[in-house]
C-alpha atoms as a PDB file:
ATOM      1  CA  MET A   1     122.658  97.535 105.843  1.00  0.00           C
ATOM      2  CA  GLU A   2     126.006  95.553 106.193  1.00  0.00           C
ATOM      3  CA  ARG A   3     125.227  92.313 108.398  1.00  0.00           C
ATOM      4  CA  THR A   4     127.611  91.775 111.367  1.00  0.00           C
ATOM      5  CA  GLU A   5     129.378  88.642 111.954  1.00  0.00           C
ATOM      6  CA  GLU A   6     127.261  88.406 115.121  1.00  0.00           C
ATOM      7  CA  ASP A   7     124.028  88.452 112.623  1.00  0.00           C
ATOM      8  CA  LYS A   8     125.379  86.208 110.695  1.00  0.00           C
ATOM      9  CA  VAL A   9     126.090  83.158 113.280  1.00  0.00           C
ATOM     10  CA  PHE A  10     123.007  83.903 114.906  1.00  0.00           C
ATOM     11  CA  LYS A  11     120.457  84.075 111.689  1.00  0.00           C
ATOM     12  CA  SER A  12     119.424  87.448 112.352  1.00  0.00           C
ATOM     13  CA  PRO A  13     116.933  88.679 109.745  1.00  0.00           C
ATOM     14  CA  ILE A  14     117.770  90.796 106.665  1.00  0.00           C
ATOM     15  CA  THR A  15     116.614  94.085 107.552  1.00  0.00           C
ATOM     16  CA  VAL A  16     115.361  96.151 104.417  1.00  0.00           C
ATOM     17  CA  ILE A  17     114.136  99.656 103.416  1.00  0.00           C
ATOM     18  CA  LEU A  18     110.949  99.997 101.862  1.00  0.00           C
ATOM     19  CA  ALA A  19     108.580 102.948 101.071  1.00  0.00           C
ATOM     20  CA  GLY A  20     111.131 104.489 104.141  1.00  0.00           C
ATOM     21  CA  LYS A  21     109.911 101.475 106.526  1.00  0.00           C
ATOM     22  CA  GLU A  22     112.109  98.898 108.012  1.00  0.00           C
ATOM     23  CA  TYR A  23     110.898  95.567 107.321  1.00  0.00           C
ATOM     24  CA  ASN A  24     112.846  92.156 108.660  1.00  0.00           C
ATOM     25  CA  ILE A  25     113.081  88.946 106.150  1.00  0.00           C
ATOM     26  CA  PRO A  26     114.216  85.867 107.836  1.00  0.00           C
ATOM     27  CA  LEU A  27     116.548  83.979 106.649  1.00  0.00           C
ATOM     28  CA  LEU A  28     115.589  80.369 104.648  1.00  0.00           C
ATOM     29  CA  VAL A  29     116.639  77.112 105.603  1.00  0.00           C
ATOM     30  CA  ILE A  30     118.388  75.298 103.143  1.00  0.00           C
ATOM     31  CA  LYS A  31     116.243  73.230 102.032  1.00  0.00           C
ATOM     32  CA  ASP A  32     113.651  76.179 100.947  1.00  0.00           C
ATOM     33  CA  ALA A  33     117.652  78.362 100.130  1.00  0.00           C
ATOM     34  CA  ARG A  34     118.303  75.404  97.142  1.00  0.00           C
ATOM     35  CA  GLU A  35     114.907  76.084  95.867  1.00  0.00           C
ATOM     36  CA  TRP A  36     115.005  79.476  95.661  1.00  0.00           C
ATOM     37  CA  ARG A  37     118.604  79.842  94.075  1.00  0.00           C
ATOM     38  CA  LYS A  38     117.829  77.274  91.283  1.00  0.00           C
ATOM     39  CA  ARG A  39     114.398  79.794  90.636  1.00  0.00           C
ATOM     40  CA  ALA A  40     117.204  82.522  90.607  1.00  0.00           C
ATOM     41  CA  ALA A  41     119.436  80.546  88.440  1.00  0.00           C
ATOM     42  CA  SER A  42     117.220  79.666  85.821  1.00  0.00           C
ATOM     43  CA  LEU A  43     115.686  83.293  85.953  1.00  0.00           C
ATOM     44  CA  PHE A  44     119.521  85.064  85.208  1.00  0.00           C
ATOM     45  CA  GLY A  45     120.824  82.007  83.331  1.00  0.00           C
ATOM     46  CA  ARG A  46     118.604  83.802  80.114  1.00  0.00           C
ATOM     47  CA  LEU A  47     120.515  86.846  80.180  1.00  0.00           C
ATOM     48  CA  PRO A  48     123.412  86.023  78.063  1.00  0.00           C
ATOM     49  CA  ALA A  49     120.874  84.847  74.808  1.00  0.00           C
ATOM     50  CA  TYR A  50     119.362  88.776  75.630  1.00  0.00           C
ATOM     51  CA  ALA A  51     123.153  90.251  75.224  1.00  0.00           C
ATOM     52  CA  LYS A  52     123.949  88.426  71.654  1.00  0.00           C
ATOM     53  CA  THR A  53     120.924  89.800  69.762  1.00  0.00           C
ATOM     54  CA  THR A  54     121.732  92.794  67.623  1.00  0.00           C
ATOM     55  CA  THR A  55     119.556  95.809  65.846  1.00  0.00           C
ATOM     56  CA  ASP A  56     120.187  93.189  62.577  1.00  0.00           C
ATOM     57  CA  ASP A  57     117.425  91.219  63.814  1.00  0.00           C
ATOM     58  CA  ALA A  58     114.235  93.675  64.937  1.00  0.00           C
ATOM     59  CA  THR A  59     112.234  91.060  65.981  1.00  0.00           C
ATOM     60  CA  GLY A  60     114.720  89.324  68.374  1.00  0.00           C
ATOM     61  CA  PHE A  61     115.991  92.729  69.370  1.00  0.00           C
ATOM     62  CA  ASP A  62     112.022  93.959  70.658  1.00  0.00           C
ATOM     63  CA  HIS A  63     111.926  91.030  72.142  1.00  0.00           C
ATOM     64  CA  ALA A  64     115.627  90.970  74.459  1.00  0.00           C
ATOM     65  CA  ILE A  65     114.524  94.679  75.161  1.00  0.00           C
ATOM     66  CA  THR A  66     111.413  93.953  76.500  1.00  0.00           C
ATOM     67  CA  ALA A  67     112.533  90.608  78.352  1.00  0.00           C
ATOM     68  CA  MET A  68     115.432  93.299  79.902  1.00  0.00           C
ATOM     69  CA  LEU A  69     113.642  96.234  80.333  1.00  0.00           C
ATOM     70  CA  VAL A  70     109.891  94.940  81.334  1.00  0.00           C
ATOM     71  CA  ASP A  71     109.926  90.810  82.241  1.00  0.00           C
ATOM     72  CA  MET A  72     113.255  90.579  83.961  1.00  0.00           C
ATOM     73  CA  PRO A  73     112.480  93.642  86.032  1.00  0.00           C
ATOM     74  CA  ASP A  74     109.039  92.019  87.121  1.00  0.00           C
ATOM     75  CA  GLN A  75     110.410  88.336  87.518  1.00  0.00           C
ATOM     76  CA  THR A  76     113.557  89.585  89.909  1.00  0.00           C
ATOM     77  CA  THR A  77     110.570  91.478  91.868  1.00  0.00           C
ATOM     78  CA  ASP A  78     108.804  88.006  92.002  1.00  0.00           C
ATOM     79  CA  LEU A  79     112.106  86.377  93.277  1.00  0.00           C
ATOM     80  CA  PHE A  80     112.357  89.138  95.667  1.00  0.00           C
ATOM     81  CA  PHE A  81     108.885  88.058  97.233  1.00  0.00           C
ATOM     82  CA  ALA A  82     109.892  84.387  97.110  1.00  0.00           C
ATOM     83  CA  TYR A  83     112.574  84.795  99.172  1.00  0.00           C
ATOM     84  CA  ALA A  84     110.773  87.635 101.292  1.00  0.00           C
ATOM     85  CA  LYS A  85     107.801  85.763 101.928  1.00  0.00           C
ATOM     86  CA  THR A  86     106.577  87.320 105.007  1.00  0.00           C
ATOM     87  CA  LEU A  87     106.064  90.663 103.820  1.00  0.00           C
ATOM     88  CA  ASN A  88     102.942  91.934 102.313  1.00  0.00           C
ATOM     89  CA  ARG A  89     103.642  92.292  98.531  1.00  0.00           C
ATOM     90  CA  GLU A  90     100.819  94.257  97.520  1.00  0.00           C
ATOM     91  CA  GLU A  91     101.290  97.022 100.262  1.00  0.00           C
ATOM     92  CA  ILE A  92     104.708  97.146  99.568  1.00  0.00           C
ATOM     93  CA  GLU A  93     104.318  97.354  95.635  1.00  0.00           C
ATOM     94  CA  SER A  94     101.586 100.204  96.275  1.00  0.00           C
ATOM     95  CA  THR A  95     104.239 102.654  98.207  1.00  0.00           C
ATOM     96  CA  ALA A  96     107.819 101.431  97.687  1.00  0.00           C
ATOM     97  CA  THR A  97     110.304 102.748  94.700  1.00  0.00           C
ATOM     98  CA  GLU A  98     112.132 100.269  92.482  1.00  0.00           C
ATOM     99  CA  VAL A  99     115.404 101.488  94.048  1.00  0.00           C
ATOM    100  CA  GLU A 100     114.350 100.625  97.593  1.00  0.00           C
ATOM    101  CA  LEU A 101     113.413  97.380  95.966  1.00  0.00           C
ATOM    102  CA  ALA A 102     116.675  96.785  94.279  1.00  0.00           C
ATOM    103  CA  LYS A 103     118.611  97.396  97.357  1.00  0.00           C
ATOM    104  CA  ALA A 104     116.640  95.465  98.855  1.00  0.00           C
ATOM    105  CA  ILE A 105     116.631  92.466  96.404  1.00  0.00           C
ATOM    106  CA  GLU A 106     121.229  93.214  96.784  1.00  0.00           C
ATOM    107  CA  GLN A 107     120.619  92.144 100.088  1.00  0.00           C
ATOM    108  CA  VAL A 108     118.783  89.386  99.918  1.00  0.00           C
ATOM    109  CA  MET A 109     121.228  87.882  97.017  1.00  0.00           C
ATOM    110  CA  ALA A 110     124.458  88.586  99.619  1.00  0.00           C
ATOM    111  CA  VAL A 111     122.477  85.902 102.190  1.00  0.00           C
ATOM    112  CA  ALA A 112     121.258  83.799  99.443  1.00  0.00           C
ATOM    113  CA  PHE A 113     124.732  82.869  97.875  1.00  0.00           C
ATOM    114  CA  PRO A 114     127.115  82.688 101.444  1.00  0.00           C
ATOM    115  CA  LEU A 115     128.923  79.438  99.979  1.00  0.00           C
ATOM    116  CA  LEU A 116     129.998  81.321  96.722  1.00  0.00           C
ATOM    117  CA  GLY A 117     132.273  83.586  99.311  1.00  0.00           C
ATOM    118  CA  SER A 118     133.407  80.836 101.483  1.00  0.00           C
ATOM    119  CA  LEU A 119     134.353  79.054  97.939  1.00  0.00           C
ATOM    120  CA  ALA A 120     135.937  82.272  96.826  1.00  0.00           C
ATOM    121  CA  GLY A 121     138.198  82.359  99.975  1.00  0.00           C
ATOM    122  CA  ALA A 122     139.233  78.660 100.122  1.00  0.00           C
ATOM    123  CA  LEU A 123     140.409  78.884  96.206  1.00  0.00           C
ATOM    124  CA  LYS A 124     143.116  81.810  97.331  1.00  0.00           C
ATOM    125  CA  ARG A 125     144.844  80.270 100.074  1.00  0.00           C
END
């Protein structure tokens, strides 16, 4: 769901839909958001190494494919629930789809990196 200016100003929780049910996720305070972003950077910072892998190295290719198709989605799910710590992970994982989770993660990412948008806007001026 698109966040309104009012949502942003008043720190309204993020509303996500998982298993067809709406859940509210409170925004993290600066201190907790900082730690969460470090964890996200560590996870996503590994992607370029996987992209450089070729089929010339069968073992390396197998490792990269497993990392991208199995490990990365699992670790991204861990990252989501680290942000959405008020949600019942066990219940959601047994009822929601990965498509719903992907959309929810997009919504978390949009609020987790608000300063990037501010920086980009300042650089345009």
